[in-house]
Protein backbone atom coordinates (compact mmCIF):
# COMPACT_ATOMS: atom_id res chain seq x y z
CA MET A 1 96.95 102.89 123.25
CA SER A 2 98.65 104.43 120.25
CA CYS A 3 102.39 104.82 119.73
CA LEU A 4 104.18 107.73 118.10
CA ALA A 5 107.76 107.54 116.88
CA LEU A 6 109.86 110.60 117.62
CA LEU A 7 112.85 111.10 115.29
CA ILE A 8 115.97 110.81 117.39
CA GLY A 9 116.50 107.67 119.56
CA SER A 10 115.79 103.90 119.73
CA VAL A 11 112.77 101.96 118.49
CA SER A 12 110.85 99.83 121.04
CA CYS A 13 107.39 101.00 122.11
CA VAL A 14 106.01 100.52 125.63
CA THR A 15 103.93 102.73 127.86
CA ALA A 16 105.72 104.84 130.44
CA PRO A 17 104.21 106.92 133.28
CA GLY A 18 101.10 108.77 132.21
CA GLY A 19 99.79 112.27 132.65
CA PHE A 20 96.63 114.20 132.06
CA GLY A 21 96.07 116.89 129.47
CA SER A 22 94.11 120.07 129.84
CA ASP A 23 90.87 118.36 128.81
CA SER A 24 91.33 115.90 131.68
CA THR A 25 92.28 112.98 129.46
CA GLU A 26 95.47 111.03 129.92
CA ARG A 27 97.39 111.65 126.74
CA SER A 28 101.08 112.15 127.17
CA GLY A 29 101.70 108.54 128.24
CA LEU A 30 105.26 109.34 127.73
CA ILE A 31 108.26 107.47 126.65
CA SER A 32 110.33 104.37 126.75
CA GLU A 33 113.94 104.72 125.63
CA PRO A 34 113.16 108.45 125.24
CA VAL A 35 116.41 109.52 123.58
CA GLY A 36 116.40 113.06 122.26
CA LEU A 37 113.37 114.64 123.94
CA ALA A 38 115.61 117.16 125.66
CA VAL A 39 116.14 119.16 122.47
CA ALA A 40 112.45 120.10 122.66
CA GLU A 41 113.27 122.52 125.47
CA ARG A 42 112.18 126.17 125.36
CA GLY A 43 113.86 127.78 122.40
CA GLY A 44 115.20 124.42 121.21
CA THR A 45 114.74 122.45 118.01
CA ASP A 46 111.29 121.28 116.94
CA LEU A 47 110.94 117.51 116.53
CA THR A 48 109.00 115.75 113.82
CA VAL A 49 106.34 113.29 115.00
CA VAL A 50 105.61 110.30 112.76
CA ASP A 51 103.51 107.20 113.23
CA LEU A 52 105.05 103.74 113.18
CA ASP A 53 104.60 103.53 109.40
CA GLY A 54 106.74 106.63 108.96
CA VAL A 55 103.88 108.99 108.11
CA VAL A 56 104.49 112.54 109.40
CA ILE A 57 101.82 113.59 111.90
CA GLY A 58 103.26 116.96 112.91
CA VAL A 59 106.00 118.72 114.81
CA LEU A 60 106.48 119.03 118.54
CA GLY A 61 107.21 122.67 119.21
CA THR A 62 108.26 124.34 122.44
CA GLU A 63 106.05 125.73 125.16
CA PRO A 64 106.86 129.13 126.70
CA ARG A 65 106.75 129.35 130.48
CA GLY A 66 103.25 129.42 131.87
CA SER A 67 101.67 130.30 128.56
CA SER A 68 98.98 127.65 128.21
CA PRO A 69 97.23 124.84 130.04
CA GLN A 70 98.19 122.38 127.30
CA ASP A 71 100.48 119.50 128.21
CA PHE A 72 103.96 119.02 126.74
CA PHE A 73 102.76 117.29 123.60
CA GLY A 74 100.13 119.96 122.98
CA PHE A 75 97.92 117.91 120.66
CA ASP A 76 95.06 120.39 120.89
CA ASP A 77 97.11 123.48 120.02
CA PRO A 78 97.80 124.11 116.31
CA ASP A 79 100.74 126.31 117.21
CA TRP A 80 102.49 123.29 118.74
CA LEU A 81 101.32 120.50 116.45
CA ARG A 82 101.98 121.55 112.91
CA ASN A 83 103.04 119.90 109.69
CA GLY A 84 106.71 119.94 108.78
CA VAL A 85 109.97 118.05 108.66
CA VAL A 86 113.13 118.23 110.74
CA THR A 87 116.38 116.32 110.40
CA SER A 88 118.70 115.06 113.10
CA GLY A 89 122.28 113.83 113.14
CA THR A 90 124.03 111.04 114.98
CA PRO A 91 126.90 112.18 117.23
CA THR A 92 130.26 110.42 117.10
CA LEU A 93 130.78 108.57 120.37
CA THR A 94 133.74 107.09 122.15
CA THR A 95 132.40 104.19 124.24
CA VAL A 96 134.37 103.09 127.29
CA VAL A 97 133.14 100.28 129.52
CA SER A 98 134.66 99.85 132.95
CA THR A 99 135.71 96.28 133.71
CA SER A 100 135.74 96.52 137.51
CA THR A 101 133.92 93.69 139.28
CA THR A 102 133.96 95.03 142.81
CA LYS A 103 130.25 94.26 143.14
CA PRO A 104 128.20 91.74 141.13
CA PRO A 105 126.92 93.61 138.08
CA VAL A 106 123.32 94.70 137.81
CA THR A 107 121.65 93.75 134.54
CA THR A 108 121.12 96.93 132.53
CA THR A 109 120.61 97.88 128.92
CA THR A 110 122.78 100.55 127.31
CA VAL A 111 120.66 102.80 125.11
CA PRO A 112 122.37 103.42 121.75
CA VAL A 113 122.39 106.92 120.35
CA THR A 114 120.79 106.34 116.96
CA THR A 115 118.13 108.28 115.11
CA THR A 116 114.71 107.12 116.28
CA THR A 117 112.99 107.24 119.68
CA THR A 118 109.56 105.84 120.53
CA VAL A 119 106.93 107.84 122.35
CA ALA A 120 103.92 105.96 123.69
CA VAL A 121 100.69 107.90 124.05
CA THR A 122 97.95 106.49 126.26
CA THR A 123 94.38 107.76 126.27
CA THR A 124 92.18 107.26 129.33
CA THR A 125 89.68 109.46 131.06
CA THR A 126 89.99 111.08 134.46
CA GLY A 127 87.05 111.50 136.75
CA GLY A 128 84.18 109.08 137.01
CA GLY A 129 82.59 108.78 133.63
CA GLY A 130 80.25 106.10 134.99
CA GLY A 131 78.29 108.51 137.15
CA ALA A 132 77.90 109.12 140.87
CA PRO A 133 78.61 106.16 143.15
CA SER A 134 75.64 104.73 144.99
CA GLY A 135 75.02 106.55 148.26
CA SER A 136 77.19 109.56 147.39
CA VAL A 137 76.19 113.17 147.90
CA VAL A 138 75.84 114.77 144.46
CA LEU A 139 77.16 118.33 144.18
CA LYS A 140 76.45 120.88 141.47
CA PRO A 141 78.00 124.26 140.62
CA GLY A 142 76.25 126.90 142.68
CA ASP A 143 75.65 124.59 145.65
CA ALA A 144 76.92 125.68 149.09
CA VAL A 145 79.53 122.94 148.86
CA ALA A 146 81.65 123.92 151.86
CA SER A 147 78.57 123.96 154.10
CA ILE A 148 77.29 120.64 152.71
CA VAL A 149 80.64 118.99 153.42
CA SER A 150 80.82 120.53 156.89
CA GLY A 151 77.35 119.21 157.71
CA ALA A 152 78.01 115.69 156.45
CA ALA A 153 79.31 112.78 158.50
CA SER A 154 82.83 111.41 158.41
CA GLY A 155 83.16 108.81 155.69
CA THR A 156 80.75 110.52 153.29
CA THR A 157 81.47 110.29 149.55
CA PHE A 158 80.86 113.41 147.45
CA TRP A 159 80.40 113.52 143.68
CA PHE A 160 81.14 116.75 141.81
CA THR A 161 79.12 116.96 138.62
CA ALA A 162 80.69 118.68 135.61
CA GLY A 163 81.12 122.43 135.76
CA THR A 164 83.22 125.08 137.50
CA TYR A 165 83.09 125.50 141.27
CA SER A 166 84.42 128.99 141.76
CA GLY A 167 86.13 130.19 144.96
CA LEU A 168 85.63 126.87 146.74
CA SER A 169 87.62 125.87 149.85
CA ILE A 170 86.80 122.59 151.59
CA GLN A 171 87.74 121.31 155.04
CA PRO A 172 87.35 117.53 154.80
CA LYS A 173 86.42 115.25 157.68
CA ALA A 174 88.00 111.87 158.33
CA ASN A 175 87.48 109.21 155.63
CA GLN A 176 85.59 111.51 153.32
CA VAL A 177 85.96 110.89 149.57
CA PHE A 178 85.78 113.58 146.88
CA LEU A 179 85.24 112.38 143.31
CA GLY A 180 84.88 114.44 140.15
CA ALA A 181 82.94 113.77 136.99
CA ASP A 182 84.67 114.58 133.74
CA GLY A 183 84.81 118.37 133.51
CA ALA A 184 84.53 119.10 137.24
CA VAL A 185 86.81 122.09 137.93
CA LEU A 186 87.61 123.68 141.28
CA ALA A 187 88.79 127.25 140.56
CA GLY A 188 90.43 129.21 143.35
CA ASN A 189 89.50 132.75 142.37
CA GLY A 190 91.61 134.19 145.19
CA LYS A 191 91.10 131.41 147.74
CA ALA A 192 94.20 129.93 149.42
CA TYR A 193 93.38 126.23 149.14
CA ALA A 194 90.96 123.76 147.61
CA PHE A 195 91.28 121.15 150.38
CA ARG A 196 92.81 121.69 153.81
CA SER A 197 92.22 120.08 157.20
CA GLY A 198 93.75 117.92 159.89
CA ALA A 199 91.48 114.93 159.17
CA ALA A 200 92.89 111.52 158.25
CA ASN A 201 92.20 109.15 155.34
CA VAL A 202 90.79 111.62 152.82
CA THR A 203 90.58 110.71 149.11
CA ILE A 204 90.57 113.27 146.25
CA SER A 205 90.18 111.97 142.71
CA GLY A 206 89.18 113.04 139.23
CA LEU A 207 89.16 116.82 139.70
CA VAL A 208 90.80 119.75 137.95
CA ILE A 209 92.16 122.06 140.67
CA GLU A 210 93.43 125.43 139.48
CA GLY A 211 94.11 129.03 140.35
CA TYR A 212 94.55 128.90 144.15
CA GLN A 213 96.62 131.63 145.81
CA SER A 214 98.36 129.85 148.69
CA ALA A 215 100.80 131.20 151.25
CA GLU A 216 104.51 130.67 150.65
CA LYS A 217 105.35 126.96 150.10
CA GLU A 218 101.77 125.91 150.87
CA ALA A 219 99.52 124.18 148.40
CA ALA A 220 96.13 123.95 146.77
CA ILE A 221 95.83 120.54 148.51
CA ASN A 222 97.37 121.15 151.91
CA PRO A 223 97.52 119.12 155.16
CA ASP A 224 97.14 120.38 158.71
CA GLY A 225 98.28 118.50 161.80
CA GLY A 226 96.87 114.99 161.77
CA ALA A 227 96.06 114.89 158.06
CA VAL A 228 97.67 111.50 157.45
CA ASN A 229 97.04 108.83 154.81
CA TRP A 230 95.42 110.98 152.16
CA VAL A 231 95.11 109.60 148.62
CA VAL A 232 95.37 112.12 145.78
CA THR A 233 94.92 110.34 142.46
CA GLY A 234 93.83 111.03 138.90
CA ASN A 235 93.61 114.81 139.21
CA GLU A 236 94.91 117.66 137.09
CA ILE A 237 96.44 120.27 139.41
CA ARG A 238 97.56 123.39 137.59
CA TYR A 239 98.19 127.13 137.65
CA ASN A 240 98.29 127.51 141.42
CA SER A 241 100.44 130.35 142.75
CA GLU A 242 102.72 128.29 145.00
CA VAL A 243 102.44 124.48 145.17
CA GLY A 244 100.07 121.94 143.71
CA VAL A 245 100.12 119.26 146.45
CA LYS A 246 101.82 119.28 149.86
CA VAL A 247 102.21 115.79 151.34
CA ASN A 248 102.19 114.47 154.89
CA THR A 249 102.75 111.07 156.53
CA GLY A 250 101.22 108.16 154.65
CA TRP A 251 100.12 110.22 151.67
CA GLN A 252 99.84 108.63 148.24
CA VAL A 253 100.04 110.99 145.27
CA VAL A 254 99.50 108.73 142.26
CA GLY A 255 98.65 109.24 138.60
CA ASN A 256 98.10 112.99 138.59
CA PHE A 257 99.03 115.63 136.02
CA ILE A 258 100.64 118.45 138.03
CA HIS A 259 101.82 121.39 135.97
CA HIS A 260 102.41 125.13 135.79
CA ASN A 261 102.36 125.72 139.54
CA GLY A 262 104.30 128.73 140.81
CA ARG A 263 106.97 127.17 143.07
CA TYR A 264 106.72 123.34 143.13
CA GLY A 265 104.46 120.70 141.73
CA ILE A 266 104.71 118.67 144.97
CA ASN A 267 106.44 119.34 148.28
CA GLY A 268 106.11 118.33 151.92
CA SER A 269 107.32 116.11 154.75
CA GLY A 270 106.36 112.91 156.56
CA SER A 271 107.01 109.18 156.69
CA GLY A 272 105.87 106.52 154.26
CA VAL A 273 105.02 108.95 151.45
CA LEU A 274 104.49 107.50 147.95
CA VAL A 275 104.67 109.71 144.86
CA ALA A 276 104.15 107.52 141.79
CA ASP A 277 103.16 107.63 138.12
CA ASN A 278 102.57 111.38 137.99
CA GLU A 279 103.41 113.78 135.21
CA ILE A 280 105.15 116.74 136.86
CA SER A 281 105.93 119.48 134.36
CA TYR A 282 106.47 123.20 133.79
CA ASN A 283 106.37 124.01 137.50
CA ALA A 284 108.18 126.94 139.16
CA THR A 285 106.62 129.42 136.75
CA GLU A 286 106.89 132.21 139.33
CA TYR A 287 110.39 131.50 140.61
CA GLY A 288 112.31 129.80 137.82
CA ALA A 289 115.74 128.26 138.03
CA THR A 290 117.14 131.10 140.13
CA GLY A 291 115.07 130.22 143.22
CA ALA A 292 114.34 127.25 145.49
CA SER A 293 111.85 125.73 143.09
CA GLY A 294 111.16 122.95 140.61
CA GLY A 295 109.09 119.86 140.05
CA THR A 296 109.30 118.58 143.64
CA LYS A 297 111.01 119.31 146.94
CA PHE A 298 110.77 117.08 150.01
CA VAL A 299 112.14 117.93 153.46
CA ILE A 300 112.28 115.74 156.60
CA THR A 301 110.88 112.46 155.33
CA THR A 302 111.43 108.79 156.19
CA GLY A 303 110.97 106.10 153.57
CA LEU A 304 109.96 108.48 150.80
CA VAL A 305 109.36 106.69 147.46
CA LEU A 306 109.45 108.51 144.11
CA ARG A 307 108.56 105.92 141.47
CA GLY A 308 107.56 105.97 137.83
CA ASN A 309 107.04 109.71 137.53
CA TYR A 310 107.65 111.76 134.39
CA SER A 311 109.26 115.02 135.51
CA HIS A 312 110.03 117.34 132.63
CA HIS A 313 110.58 120.96 131.70
CA ASN A 314 110.37 122.27 135.25
CA TYR A 315 111.99 125.66 135.80
CA GLY A 316 114.37 124.37 138.44
CA ASN A 317 115.21 120.84 139.61
CA GLY A 318 113.20 117.89 138.33
CA LEU A 319 112.99 115.64 141.41
CA TRP A 320 114.55 117.32 144.46
CA VAL A 321 114.93 115.75 147.91
CA ASP A 322 116.55 118.15 150.37
CA ILE A 323 117.31 118.22 154.11
CA ASN A 324 117.01 115.31 156.54
CA ASN A 325 115.31 112.72 154.35
CA VAL A 326 116.06 109.20 155.59
CA ASN A 327 116.21 106.16 153.27
CA VAL A 328 114.83 107.64 150.06
CA LEU A 329 114.02 105.44 147.06
CA ILE A 330 114.02 107.14 143.63
CA GLU A 331 113.35 104.58 140.91
CA ASN A 332 111.99 104.08 137.41
CA ASN A 333 111.38 107.77 136.77
CA THR A 334 111.78 109.58 133.46
CA VAL A 335 113.41 112.95 134.10
CA VAL A 336 113.86 115.17 131.04
CA ALA A 337 114.82 118.75 130.17
CA ASN A 338 114.56 120.40 133.58
CA GLU A 339 116.41 123.69 133.91
CA ARG A 340 118.65 122.62 136.80
CA ASN A 341 119.46 119.13 138.14
CA GLY A 342 117.38 116.20 137.00
CA ILE A 343 117.50 114.17 140.25
CA PHE A 344 118.98 115.94 143.28
CA LEU A 345 119.47 114.32 146.71
CA GLU A 346 121.17 116.53 149.28
CA ILE A 347 121.96 116.82 152.99
CA SER A 348 119.99 113.69 153.80
CA CYS A 349 120.60 110.22 155.23
CA GLY A 350 120.83 107.28 152.85
CA GLY A 351 119.02 106.35 149.70
CA VAL A 352 118.85 104.49 146.43
CA ILE A 353 118.64 106.11 142.98
CA ARG A 354 118.10 103.36 140.43
CA ASN A 355 116.77 102.52 137.00
CA ASN A 356 115.85 106.08 136.04
CA TYR A 357 115.99 107.57 132.55
CA VAL A 358 117.58 111.02 132.78
CA GLU A 359 118.05 113.17 129.68
CA GLY A 360 118.86 116.74 128.76
CA ASN A 361 118.69 118.30 132.21
CA GLY A 362 120.52 121.51 133.00
CA THR A 363 118.92 123.41 130.12
CA VAL A 364 119.87 126.63 131.90
CA PRO A 365 123.44 125.66 132.89
CA LYS A 366 124.84 126.73 136.21
CA LEU A 367 128.37 126.62 137.64
CA PRO A 368 130.28 125.19 134.65
CA ASN A 369 133.35 124.38 136.75
CA TRP A 370 131.46 122.64 139.56
CA MET A 371 129.37 119.44 139.46
CA GLY A 372 126.47 121.12 141.24
CA GLY A 373 123.67 123.09 139.66
CA SER A 374 122.90 121.31 136.41
CA SER A 375 123.71 117.57 136.61
CA GLY A 376 121.58 114.66 135.50
CA ILE A 377 121.95 113.07 138.95
CA LEU A 378 123.55 114.89 141.89
CA VAL A 379 124.24 113.60 145.41
CA SER A 380 125.37 116.21 147.92
CA MET A 381 126.39 115.80 151.58
CA THR A 382 124.48 112.53 151.96
CA PRO A 383 126.01 109.26 153.25
CA GLY A 384 125.04 105.74 152.23
CA VAL A 385 123.65 106.30 148.73
CA ASP A 386 123.63 103.74 145.89
CA VAL A 387 123.23 105.05 142.34
CA TYR A 388 122.85 102.25 139.78
CA GLY A 389 121.10 101.07 136.65
CA ASN A 390 120.40 104.60 135.43
CA THR A 391 120.60 105.80 131.83
CA LEU A 392 121.83 109.37 131.38
CA ILE A 393 121.96 111.05 127.99
CA GLY A 394 122.92 114.58 127.03
CA ASN A 395 122.63 116.29 130.41
CA ASN A 396 124.69 119.42 131.01
CA LYS A 397 126.71 117.23 133.41
CA GLY A 398 126.33 113.53 134.15
CA ILE A 399 126.52 112.11 137.70
CA GLY A 400 128.00 114.38 140.35
CA ALA A 401 128.88 114.18 144.04
CA LEU A 402 129.57 117.05 146.44
CA ASN A 403 131.01 117.52 149.92
CA TRP A 404 131.09 121.17 150.85
CA ASP A 405 130.26 123.67 153.58
CA HIS A 406 126.48 123.57 153.10
CA PRO A 407 124.70 126.18 155.26
CA ASN A 408 121.86 123.81 156.26
CA VAL A 409 123.84 120.86 157.61
CA GLY A 410 122.73 121.79 161.13
CA ALA A 411 119.15 120.94 160.20
CA VAL A 412 120.02 117.27 159.67
CA THR A 413 119.34 115.05 162.68
CA GLY A 414 119.18 111.56 161.15
CA CYS A 415 122.91 111.23 160.41
CA VAL A 416 126.12 113.18 159.93
CA PRO A 417 125.55 114.88 156.55
CA GLU A 418 128.71 114.20 154.58
CA LEU A 419 129.66 112.31 151.44
CA ARG A 420 130.43 108.78 152.71
CA ASN A 421 129.85 105.33 151.21
CA LEU A 422 128.52 106.61 147.91
CA GLU A 423 128.51 103.83 145.30
CA VAL A 424 127.86 104.72 141.66
CA TYR A 425 127.85 101.64 139.43
CA ASN A 426 126.29 100.01 136.38
CA ASN A 427 125.07 103.29 134.94
CA SER A 428 125.18 104.27 131.25
CA ILE A 429 126.32 107.87 130.74
CA THR A 430 126.27 109.47 127.29
CA GLN A 431 127.87 112.90 127.44
CA ASN A 432 128.59 115.40 124.67
CA GLY A 433 130.93 117.96 126.23
CA GLY A 434 131.04 118.95 129.88
CA ALA A 435 131.60 116.51 132.73
CA ALA A 436 130.40 112.91 132.44
CA ALA A 437 131.00 112.35 136.16
CA GLY A 438 132.83 113.98 139.01
CA ILE A 439 133.41 114.58 142.70
CA GLU A 440 133.89 118.03 144.23
CA ALA A 441 135.07 118.03 147.85
CA PRO A 442 136.45 121.33 149.11
CA VAL A 443 135.67 120.08 152.65
CA GLN A 444 137.38 116.89 153.94
CA THR A 445 138.94 116.38 150.51
CA ASP A 446 141.32 113.55 151.38
CA ASN A 447 138.70 111.63 153.36
CA VAL A 448 136.10 111.97 150.60
CA LEU A 449 138.47 110.81 147.88
CA ASN A 450 140.44 108.16 149.76
CA ASN A 451 138.99 107.09 153.11
CA TRP A 452 135.21 107.30 153.19
CA GLY A 453 134.30 104.56 150.75
CA ASN A 454 133.07 106.69 147.84
CA GLN A 455 133.24 104.69 144.62
CA PHE A 456 132.40 104.89 140.91
CA TYR A 457 132.75 101.54 139.13
CA SER A 458 131.32 99.33 136.37
CA ASN A 459 129.83 102.32 134.55
CA THR A 460 129.59 102.73 130.77
CA TYR A 461 130.70 106.10 129.38
CA ASN A 462 129.76 107.19 125.84
CA LEU A 463 131.84 110.35 125.32
CA SER A 464 131.88 112.96 122.57
CA GLY A 465 132.49 116.66 122.12
CA GLY A 466 135.44 116.75 124.50
CA ALA A 467 133.52 115.39 127.48
CA GLU A 468 135.76 114.88 130.51
CA PHE A 469 135.53 114.36 134.27
CA ARG A 470 135.80 116.55 137.38
CA LEU A 471 137.91 115.66 140.39
CA GLU A 472 138.08 118.25 143.18
CA GLY A 473 138.40 121.43 141.24
CA ALA A 474 140.16 120.05 138.18
CA TRP A 475 139.17 118.86 134.72
CA ILE A 476 140.65 115.44 133.99
CA ASN A 477 140.43 112.87 131.22
CA LEU A 478 139.09 109.34 131.47
CA GLN A 479 142.52 107.82 132.04
CA THR A 480 143.21 110.12 134.99
CA TRP A 481 139.73 109.50 136.38
CA THR A 482 140.36 105.74 136.19
CA THR A 483 143.86 106.00 137.65
CA ALA A 484 142.39 107.87 140.60
CA GLY A 485 140.22 104.80 141.26
CA PHE A 486 136.93 105.98 139.76
CA ASN A 487 135.91 103.80 136.82
């Protein structure tokens, strides 16, 4: 592991969730205490990269939408990694710490806004560099792969040797395993999917999957019917027209680099889904922030877990959970520089959003006089949500809550979709202009504000640039926000 210091935030160096670059090596590794990355948005300021001895390595530039298969750091592209120097300033902050003790405090660390952030870069190799597993069926470019898989027994392991498998669509059988050597690429060339079937317990690992032309909201890796308990791990899934991966019950999507897909990186439904340690970036290339698109979107799930992902620079929401999701857990993610909301939970039924690092989201601001559209964390029409231990820095808006006449409330069956029993506490919010926090409730206003147990308390606010708060249609200052009972 090597560590790079990025001029803008704080100094410790540990490895955060990893991702895979275009050459199928895990490079971006990402960030701990990643203050300041958000200014590297499209059209934003370049950032100087130095090593830990202060030697300039190059400059992180900005990547235009859908222009290249390189990852965010772009180490292989001389247009993105170039010599140079950039300076950065330290904003003047007003720090206000709430003293409420309604609930025992959660131990958190407030990230200071200084002038140095650490970026950790990890290098590992995808695929199976050690060769084909014993007993596996070895596949080569040019083989009749779909027929070979169809003729094999359930439980067979397949090994893709290096090379491009053009126009390949596979219908797995139960318990089959698909492994790729370094450099094994499945290229759609007009096909709708790389893997699709109703079989259970399929594993897909170590492949580059690109260029599939799926139907609306369907994916290059797509379940049918009984396709439960799939494991999708260690792949690079890129440049597909709609969605990279669509999940189903029991799916585990872990440690993939999922980028530049047309609508979402990951979507789907089901119970017991785990999405962990993925890099999810530059998705929604075809739809952008104006459509229903972004890094992820999950609908009708139970027990969904989003953990340790790095979701950045998506052209829409970063991590989006929408419509009838029951008991969602969103934790330990790094969510940076997405065009709309960073983390968005709406019209669902209970959840926890904790210990996430959320910076610079809302790069294409929306609805300046409304908490929706471009907040770091947004909870809408969802009862029983706890939001705590999160660090938010420099988002267009901080933490928002909505109760309004949403057109899809009738699709929710797991609860009554309204803003009840929301608790927002022990978060650190650094805000330069705009709204640090707020509640908008044009529907059931008095109940939302006074009777339904919605609370903000024990939060730390670092305010500059005239940052204020929003309370049902009005801009208010910190004192008014506190007097209204929201600390």
